[in-house]
Amino acid sequence: MAVNISEEAADLPGVLGSLGEIALWLQAVGAIIIVWIIFQSISFYYNRKRMQEVYEIKKDMVRIERKIDNILKKR
């Protein structure tokens, strides 16, 4: 099992090139994931604001319904 070091050394640039290509793909995937996370964070923020407005409207509707019920009971 004698390994010729010169053969392995000759193939080193090919191996490093393959590793470099893999690293570039991983970097691109990482950038896409970061952009996706940023987009989801922004969406979550705006959806949260909208839901808070919906909850406020719901509270107002319940209050108005109670007032209407009270008015109708007085008649």
PDB file of N, CA and C in Angstrom:
ATOM      1  N   MET A   1       0.831  -1.184   0.000  1.00  0.00           N
ATOM      2  CA  MET A   1       0.000   0.000   0.000  1.00  0.00           C
ATOM      3  C   MET A   1       0.872   1.243   0.000  1.00  0.00           C
ATOM      4  N   ALA A   2       1.727   1.287  -0.874  1.00  0.00           N
ATOM      5  CA  ALA A   2       2.572   2.463  -1.003  1.00  0.00           C
ATOM      6  C   ALA A   2       1.808   3.541  -1.754  1.00  0.00           C
ATOM      7  N   VAL A   3       1.735   4.703  -1.173  1.00  0.00           N
ATOM      8  CA  VAL A   3       1.027   5.819  -1.777  1.00  0.00           C
ATOM      9  C   VAL A   3       2.062   6.779  -2.322  1.00  0.00           C
ATOM     10  N   ASN A   4       1.860   7.145  -3.522  1.00  0.00           N
ATOM     11  CA  ASN A   4       2.793   8.069  -4.143  1.00  0.00           C
ATOM     12  C   ASN A   4       2.351   9.491  -3.815  1.00  0.00           C
ATOM     13  N   ILE A   5       3.143  10.186  -3.045  1.00  0.00           N
ATOM     14  CA  ILE A   5       2.796  11.532  -2.582  1.00  0.00           C
ATOM     15  C   ILE A   5       2.734  12.503  -3.751  1.00  0.00           C
ATOM     16  N   SER A   6       3.526  12.300  -4.753  1.00  0.00           N
ATOM     17  CA  SER A   6       3.534  13.219  -5.886  1.00  0.00           C
ATOM     18  C   SER A   6       2.214  13.167  -6.654  1.00  0.00           C
ATOM     19  N   GLU A   7       1.553  11.994  -6.694  1.00  0.00           N
ATOM     20  CA  GLU A   7       0.249  11.892  -7.367  1.00  0.00           C
ATOM     21  C   GLU A   7      -0.815  12.666  -6.583  1.00  0.00           C
ATOM     22  N   GLU A   8      -0.782  12.542  -5.273  1.00  0.00           N
ATOM     23  CA  GLU A   8      -1.742  13.265  -4.448  1.00  0.00           C
ATOM     24  C   GLU A   8      -1.504  14.772  -4.518  1.00  0.00           C
ATOM     25  N   ALA A   9      -0.265  15.161  -4.563  1.00  0.00           N
ATOM     26  CA  ALA A   9       0.067  16.576  -4.648  1.00  0.00           C
ATOM     27  C   ALA A   9      -0.345  17.143  -5.996  1.00  0.00           C
ATOM     28  N   ALA A  10      -0.279  16.333  -7.047  1.00  0.00           N
ATOM     29  CA  ALA A  10      -0.665  16.792  -8.368  1.00  0.00           C
ATOM     30  C   ALA A  10      -2.173  17.006  -8.451  1.00  0.00           C
ATOM     31  N   ASP A  11      -2.931  16.230  -7.702  1.00  0.00           N
ATOM     32  CA  ASP A  11      -4.397  16.341  -7.731  1.00  0.00           C
ATOM     33  C   ASP A  11      -4.914  17.396  -6.754  1.00  0.00           C
ATOM     34  N   LEU A  12      -4.066  17.970  -5.952  1.00  0.00           N
ATOM     35  CA  LEU A  12      -4.457  18.948  -4.941  1.00  0.00           C
ATOM     36  C   LEU A  12      -5.190  20.163  -5.513  1.00  0.00           C
ATOM     37  N   PRO A  13      -4.735  20.765  -6.607  1.00  0.00           N
ATOM     38  CA  PRO A  13      -5.495  21.898  -7.145  1.00  0.00           C
ATOM     39  C   PRO A  13      -6.915  21.524  -7.580  1.00  0.00           C
ATOM     40  N   GLY A  14      -7.089  20.332  -8.092  1.00  0.00           N
ATOM     41  CA  GLY A  14      -8.431  19.877  -8.464  1.00  0.00           C
ATOM     42  C   GLY A  14      -9.332  19.736  -7.257  1.00  0.00           C
ATOM     43  N   VAL A  15      -8.801  19.204  -6.181  1.00  0.00           N
ATOM     44  CA  VAL A  15      -9.574  19.030  -4.945  1.00  0.00           C
ATOM     45  C   VAL A  15      -9.914  20.397  -4.353  1.00  0.00           C
ATOM     46  N   LEU A  16      -8.936  21.277  -4.336  1.00  0.00           N
ATOM     47  CA  LEU A  16      -9.186  22.618  -3.800  1.00  0.00           C
ATOM     48  C   LEU A  16     -10.199  23.371  -4.653  1.00  0.00           C
ATOM     49  N   GLY A  17     -10.146  23.176  -5.959  1.00  0.00           N
ATOM     50  CA  GLY A  17     -11.132  23.809  -6.843  1.00  0.00           C
ATOM     51  C   GLY A  17     -12.533  23.304  -6.566  1.00  0.00           C
ATOM     52  N   SER A  18     -12.667  21.994  -6.344  1.00  0.00           N
ATOM     53  CA  SER A  18     -13.975  21.419  -6.021  1.00  0.00           C
ATOM     54  C   SER A  18     -14.487  21.953  -4.695  1.00  0.00           C
ATOM     55  N   LEU A  19     -13.596  22.031  -3.716  1.00  0.00           N
ATOM     56  CA  LEU A  19     -14.002  22.578  -2.416  1.00  0.00           C
ATOM     57  C   LEU A  19     -14.407  24.044  -2.539  1.00  0.00           C
ATOM     58  N   GLY A  20     -13.709  24.788  -3.387  1.00  0.00           N
ATOM     59  CA  GLY A  20     -14.055  26.188  -3.605  1.00  0.00           C
ATOM     60  C   GLY A  20     -15.424  26.349  -4.225  1.00  0.00           C
ATOM     61  N   GLU A  21     -15.761  25.461  -5.192  1.00  0.00           N
ATOM     62  CA  GLU A  21     -17.089  25.521  -5.810  1.00  0.00           C
ATOM     63  C   GLU A  21     -18.173  25.208  -4.788  1.00  0.00           C
ATOM     64  N   ILE A  22     -17.918  24.200  -3.957  1.00  0.00           N
ATOM     65  CA  ILE A  22     -18.893  23.846  -2.916  1.00  0.00           C
ATOM     66  C   ILE A  22     -19.062  25.013  -1.948  1.00  0.00           C
ATOM     67  N   ALA A  23     -17.970  25.662  -1.606  1.00  0.00           N
ATOM     68  CA  ALA A  23     -18.043  26.800  -0.683  1.00  0.00           C
ATOM     69  C   ALA A  23     -18.852  27.943  -1.290  1.00  0.00           C
ATOM     70  N   LEU A  24     -18.692  28.179  -2.590  1.00  0.00           N
ATOM     71  CA  LEU A  24     -19.475  29.236  -3.234  1.00  0.00           C
ATOM     72  C   LEU A  24     -20.960  28.909  -3.225  1.00  0.00           C
ATOM     73  N   TRP A  25     -21.310  27.641  -3.467  1.00  0.00           N
ATOM     74  CA  TRP A  25     -22.712  27.248  -3.414  1.00  0.00           C
ATOM     75  C   TRP A  25     -23.275  27.420  -2.010  1.00  0.00           C
ATOM     76  N   LEU A  26     -22.508  27.014  -1.012  1.00  0.00           N
ATOM     77  CA  LEU A  26     -22.969  27.177   0.367  1.00  0.00           C
ATOM     78  C   LEU A  26     -23.137  28.646   0.731  1.00  0.00           C
ATOM     79  N   GLN A  27     -22.246  29.473   0.226  1.00  0.00           N
ATOM     80  CA  GLN A  27     -22.346  30.910   0.482  1.00  0.00           C
ATOM     81  C   GLN A  27     -23.604  31.478  -0.173  1.00  0.00           C
ATOM     82  N   ALA A  28     -23.902  31.044  -1.387  1.00  0.00           N
ATOM     83  CA  ALA A  28     -25.101  31.522  -2.074  1.00  0.00           C
ATOM     84  C   ALA A  28     -26.364  31.072  -1.346  1.00  0.00           C
ATOM     85  N   VAL A  29     -26.387  29.822  -0.910  1.00  0.00           N
ATOM     86  CA  VAL A  29     -27.546  29.316  -0.165  1.00  0.00           C
ATOM     87  C   VAL A  29     -27.697  30.086   1.148  1.00  0.00           C
ATOM     88  N   GLY A  30     -26.591  30.357   1.816  1.00  0.00           N
ATOM     89  CA  GLY A  30     -26.644  31.129   3.060  1.00  0.00           C
ATOM     90  C   GLY A  30     -27.185  32.530   2.843  1.00  0.00           C
ATOM     91  N   ALA A  31     -26.778  33.165   1.747  1.00  0.00           N
ATOM     92  CA  ALA A  31     -27.282  34.512   1.442  1.00  0.00           C
ATOM     93  C   ALA A  31     -28.785  34.476   1.183  1.00  0.00           C
ATOM     94  N   ILE A  32     -29.242  33.449   0.465  1.00  0.00           N
ATOM     95  CA  ILE A  32     -30.685  33.320   0.195  1.00  0.00           C
ATOM     96  C   ILE A  32     -31.450  33.116   1.497  1.00  0.00           C
ATOM     97  N   ILE A  33     -30.914  32.299   2.375  1.00  0.00           N
ATOM     98  CA  ILE A  33     -31.586  32.054   3.662  1.00  0.00           C
ATOM     99  C   ILE A  33     -31.632  33.330   4.494  1.00  0.00           C
ATOM    100  N   ILE A  34     -30.574  34.110   4.500  1.00  0.00           N
ATOM    101  CA  ILE A  34     -30.563  35.369   5.262  1.00  0.00           C
ATOM    102  C   ILE A  34     -31.591  36.350   4.703  1.00  0.00           C
ATOM    103  N   VAL A  35     -31.672  36.449   3.375  1.00  0.00           N
ATOM    104  CA  VAL A  35     -32.670  37.339   2.763  1.00  0.00           C
ATOM    105  C   VAL A  35     -34.071  36.856   3.113  1.00  0.00           C
ATOM    106  N   TRP A  36     -34.288  35.543   3.086  1.00  0.00           N
ATOM    107  CA  TRP A  36     -35.594  34.980   3.428  1.00  0.00           C
ATOM    108  C   TRP A  36     -35.946  35.297   4.882  1.00  0.00           C
ATOM    109  N   ILE A  37     -34.984  35.166   5.791  1.00  0.00           N
ATOM    110  CA  ILE A  37     -35.233  35.468   7.206  1.00  0.00           C
ATOM    111  C   ILE A  37     -35.576  36.950   7.385  1.00  0.00           C
ATOM    112  N   ILE A  38     -34.877  37.821   6.687  1.00  0.00           N
ATOM    113  CA  ILE A  38     -35.169  39.257   6.775  1.00  0.00           C
ATOM    114  C   ILE A  38     -36.582  39.532   6.271  1.00  0.00           C
ATOM    115  N   PHE A  39     -36.937  38.925   5.131  1.00  0.00           N
ATOM    116  CA  PHE A  39     -38.281  39.117   4.584  1.00  0.00           C
ATOM    117  C   PHE A  39     -39.344  38.606   5.552  1.00  0.00           C
ATOM    118  N   GLN A  40     -39.126  37.442   6.152  1.00  0.00           N
ATOM    119  CA  GLN A  40     -40.093  36.894   7.096  1.00  0.00           C
ATOM    120  C   GLN A  40     -40.213  37.768   8.338  1.00  0.00           C
ATOM    121  N   SER A  41     -39.107  38.348   8.793  1.00  0.00           N
ATOM    122  CA  SER A  41     -39.146  39.232   9.962  1.00  0.00           C
ATOM    123  C   SER A  41     -39.981  40.473   9.674  1.00  0.00           C
ATOM    124  N   ILE A  42     -39.790  41.047   8.498  1.00  0.00           N
ATOM    125  CA  ILE A  42     -40.563  42.231   8.121  1.00  0.00           C
ATOM    126  C   ILE A  42     -42.040  41.883   8.014  1.00  0.00           C
ATOM    127  N   SER A  43     -42.344  40.748   7.389  1.00  0.00           N
ATOM    128  CA  SER A  43     -43.742  40.305   7.259  1.00  0.00           C
ATOM    129  C   SER A  43     -44.360  40.077   8.634  1.00  0.00           C
ATOM    130  N   PHE A  44     -43.618  39.437   9.526  1.00  0.00           N
ATOM    131  CA  PHE A  44     -44.121  39.178  10.866  1.00  0.00           C
ATOM    132  C   PHE A  44     -44.425  40.484  11.594  1.00  0.00           C
ATOM    133  N   TYR A  45     -43.545  41.470  11.451  1.00  0.00           N
ATOM    134  CA  TYR A  45     -43.739  42.760  12.109  1.00  0.00           C
ATOM    135  C   TYR A  45     -45.025  43.430  11.630  1.00  0.00           C
ATOM    136  N   TYR A  46     -45.219  43.484  10.303  1.00  0.00           N
ATOM    137  CA  TYR A  46     -46.412  44.138   9.776  1.00  0.00           C
ATOM    138  C   TYR A  46     -47.681  43.347  10.084  1.00  0.00           C
ATOM    139  N   ASN A  47     -47.602  42.034  10.037  1.00  0.00           N
ATOM    140  CA  ASN A  47     -48.771  41.228  10.383  1.00  0.00           C
ATOM    141  C   ASN A  47     -49.138  41.393  11.846  1.00  0.00           C
ATOM    142  N   ARG A  48     -48.141  41.544  12.697  1.00  0.00           N
ATOM    143  CA  ARG A  48     -48.418  41.754  14.114  1.00  0.00           C
ATOM    144  C   ARG A  48     -49.134  43.083  14.330  1.00  0.00           C
ATOM    145  N   LYS A  49     -48.667  44.125  13.622  1.00  0.00           N
ATOM    146  CA  LYS A  49     -49.332  45.425  13.738  1.00  0.00           C
ATOM    147  C   LYS A  49     -50.779  45.327  13.259  1.00  0.00           C
ATOM    148  N   ARG A  50     -51.001  44.622  12.158  1.00  0.00           N
ATOM    149  CA  ARG A  50     -52.366  44.473  11.635  1.00  0.00           C
ATOM    150  C   ARG A  50     -53.245  43.699  12.602  1.00  0.00           C
ATOM    151  N   MET A  51     -52.703  42.653  13.208  1.00  0.00           N
ATOM    152  CA  MET A  51     -53.496  41.870  14.147  1.00  0.00           C
ATOM    153  C   MET A  51     -53.839  42.689  15.385  1.00  0.00           C
ATOM    154  N   GLN A  52     -52.945  43.549  15.827  1.00  0.00           N
ATOM    155  CA  GLN A  52     -53.257  44.413  16.962  1.00  0.00           C
ATOM    156  C   GLN A  52     -54.405  45.349  16.610  1.00  0.00           C
ATOM    157  N   GLU A  53     -54.419  45.842  15.372  1.00  0.00           N
ATOM    158  CA  GLU A  53     -55.516  46.702  14.946  1.00  0.00           C
ATOM    159  C   GLU A  53     -56.820  45.909  14.896  1.00  0.00           C
ATOM    160  N   VAL A  54     -56.757  44.679  14.443  1.00  0.00           N
ATOM    161  CA  VAL A  54     -57.954  43.830  14.395  1.00  0.00           C
ATOM    162  C   VAL A  54     -58.480  43.578  15.803  1.00  0.00           C
ATOM    163  N   TYR A  55     -57.591  43.327  16.762  1.00  0.00           N
ATOM    164  CA  TYR A  55     -58.022  43.105  18.142  1.00  0.00           C
ATOM    165  C   TYR A  55     -58.672  44.361  18.722  1.00  0.00           C
ATOM    166  N   GLU A  56     -58.137  45.524  18.383  1.00  0.00           N
ATOM    167  CA  GLU A  56     -58.737  46.767  18.871  1.00  0.00           C
ATOM    168  C   GLU A  56     -60.137  46.933  18.277  1.00  0.00           C
ATOM    169  N   ILE A  57     -60.278  46.643  17.004  1.00  0.00           N
ATOM    170  CA  ILE A  57     -61.597  46.744  16.356  1.00  0.00           C
ATOM    171  C   ILE A  57     -62.559  45.750  16.994  1.00  0.00           C
ATOM    172  N   LYS A  58     -62.076  44.566  17.302  1.00  0.00           N
ATOM    173  CA  LYS A  58     -62.928  43.559  17.932  1.00  0.00           C
ATOM    174  C   LYS A  58     -63.411  44.035  19.299  1.00  0.00           C
ATOM    175  N   LYS A  59     -62.496  44.629  20.080  1.00  0.00           N
ATOM    176  CA  LYS A  59     -62.891  45.167  21.390  1.00  0.00           C
ATOM    177  C   LYS A  59     -63.952  46.242  21.230  1.00  0.00           C
ATOM    178  N   ASP A  60     -63.762  47.123  20.242  1.00  0.00           N
ATOM    179  CA  ASP A  60     -64.741  48.180  20.005  1.00  0.00           C
ATOM    180  C   ASP A  60     -66.088  47.597  19.597  1.00  0.00           C
ATOM    181  N   MET A  61     -66.073  46.558  18.770  1.00  0.00           N
ATOM    182  CA  MET A  61     -67.330  45.936  18.338  1.00  0.00           C
ATOM    183  C   MET A  61     -68.074  45.327  19.523  1.00  0.00           C
ATOM    184  N   VAL A  62     -67.332  44.672  20.405  1.00  0.00           N
ATOM    185  CA  VAL A  62     -67.968  44.082  21.595  1.00  0.00           C
ATOM    186  C   VAL A  62     -68.579  45.182  22.449  1.00  0.00           C
ATOM    187  N   ARG A  63     -67.857  46.276  22.610  1.00  0.00           N
ATOM    188  CA  ARG A  63     -68.363  47.403  23.407  1.00  0.00           C
ATOM    189  C   ARG A  63     -69.626  47.987  22.766  1.00  0.00           C
ATOM    190  N   ILE A  64     -69.615  48.156  21.466  1.00  0.00           N
ATOM    191  CA  ILE A  64     -70.779  48.709  20.758  1.00  0.00           C
ATOM    192  C   ILE A  64     -71.959  47.749  20.850  1.00  0.00           C
ATOM    193  N   GLU A  65     -71.686  46.440  20.735  1.00  0.00           N
ATOM    194  CA  GLU A  65     -72.779  45.460  20.862  1.00  0.00           C
ATOM    195  C   GLU A  65     -73.415  45.524  22.246  1.00  0.00           C
ATOM    196  N   ARG A  66     -72.602  45.684  23.279  1.00  0.00           N
ATOM    197  CA  ARG A  66     -73.151  45.796  24.631  1.00  0.00           C
ATOM    198  C   ARG A  66     -74.025  47.034  24.764  1.00  0.00           C
ATOM    199  N   LYS A  67     -73.573  48.139  24.191  1.00  0.00           N
ATOM    200  CA  LYS A  67     -74.368  49.363  24.259  1.00  0.00           C
ATOM    201  C   LYS A  67     -75.688  49.191  23.524  1.00  0.00           C
ATOM    202  N   ILE A  68     -75.632  48.555  22.368  1.00  0.00           N
ATOM    203  CA  ILE A  68     -76.869  48.325  21.605  1.00  0.00           C
ATOM    204  C   ILE A  68     -77.799  47.422  22.394  1.00  0.00           C
ATOM    205  N   ASP A  69     -77.256  46.375  23.010  1.00  0.00           N
ATOM    206  CA  ASP A  69     -78.067  45.463  23.819  1.00  0.00           C
ATOM    207  C   ASP A  69     -78.714  46.213  24.984  1.00  0.00           C
ATOM    208  N   ASN A  70     -77.963  47.087  25.632  1.00  0.00           N
ATOM    209  CA  ASN A  70     -78.509  47.865  26.733  1.00  0.00           C
ATOM    210  C   ASN A  70     -79.626  48.789  26.271  1.00  0.00           C
ATOM    211  N   ILE A  71     -79.430  49.404  25.123  1.00  0.00           N
ATOM    212  CA  ILE A  71     -80.446  50.311  24.575  1.00  0.00           C
ATOM    213  C   ILE A  71     -81.724  49.532  24.256  1.00  0.00           C
ATOM    214  N   LEU A  72     -81.548  48.367  23.655  1.00  0.00           N
ATOM    215  CA  LEU A  72     -82.719  47.560  23.278  1.00  0.00           C
ATOM    216  C   LEU A  72     -83.443  47.002  24.504  1.00  0.00           C
ATOM    217  N   LYS A  73     -82.717  46.720  25.565  1.00  0.00           N
ATOM    218  CA  LYS A  73     -83.349  46.224  26.804  1.00  0.00           C
ATOM    219  C   LYS A  73     -84.164  47.319  27.472  1.00  0.00           C
ATOM    220  N   LYS A  74     -83.738  48.564  27.343  1.00  0.00           N
ATOM    221  CA  LYS A  74     -84.446  49.680  27.985  1.00  0.00           C
ATOM    222  C   LYS A  74     -85.799  49.916  27.319  1.00  0.00           C
ATOM    223  N   ARG A  75     -85.943  49.558  26.082  1.00  0.00           N
ATOM    224  CA  ARG A  75     -87.202  49.813  25.371  1.00  0.00           C
ATOM    225  C   ARG A  75     -88.238  48.905  25.819  1.00  0.00           C
TER     226      ARG A  75
END
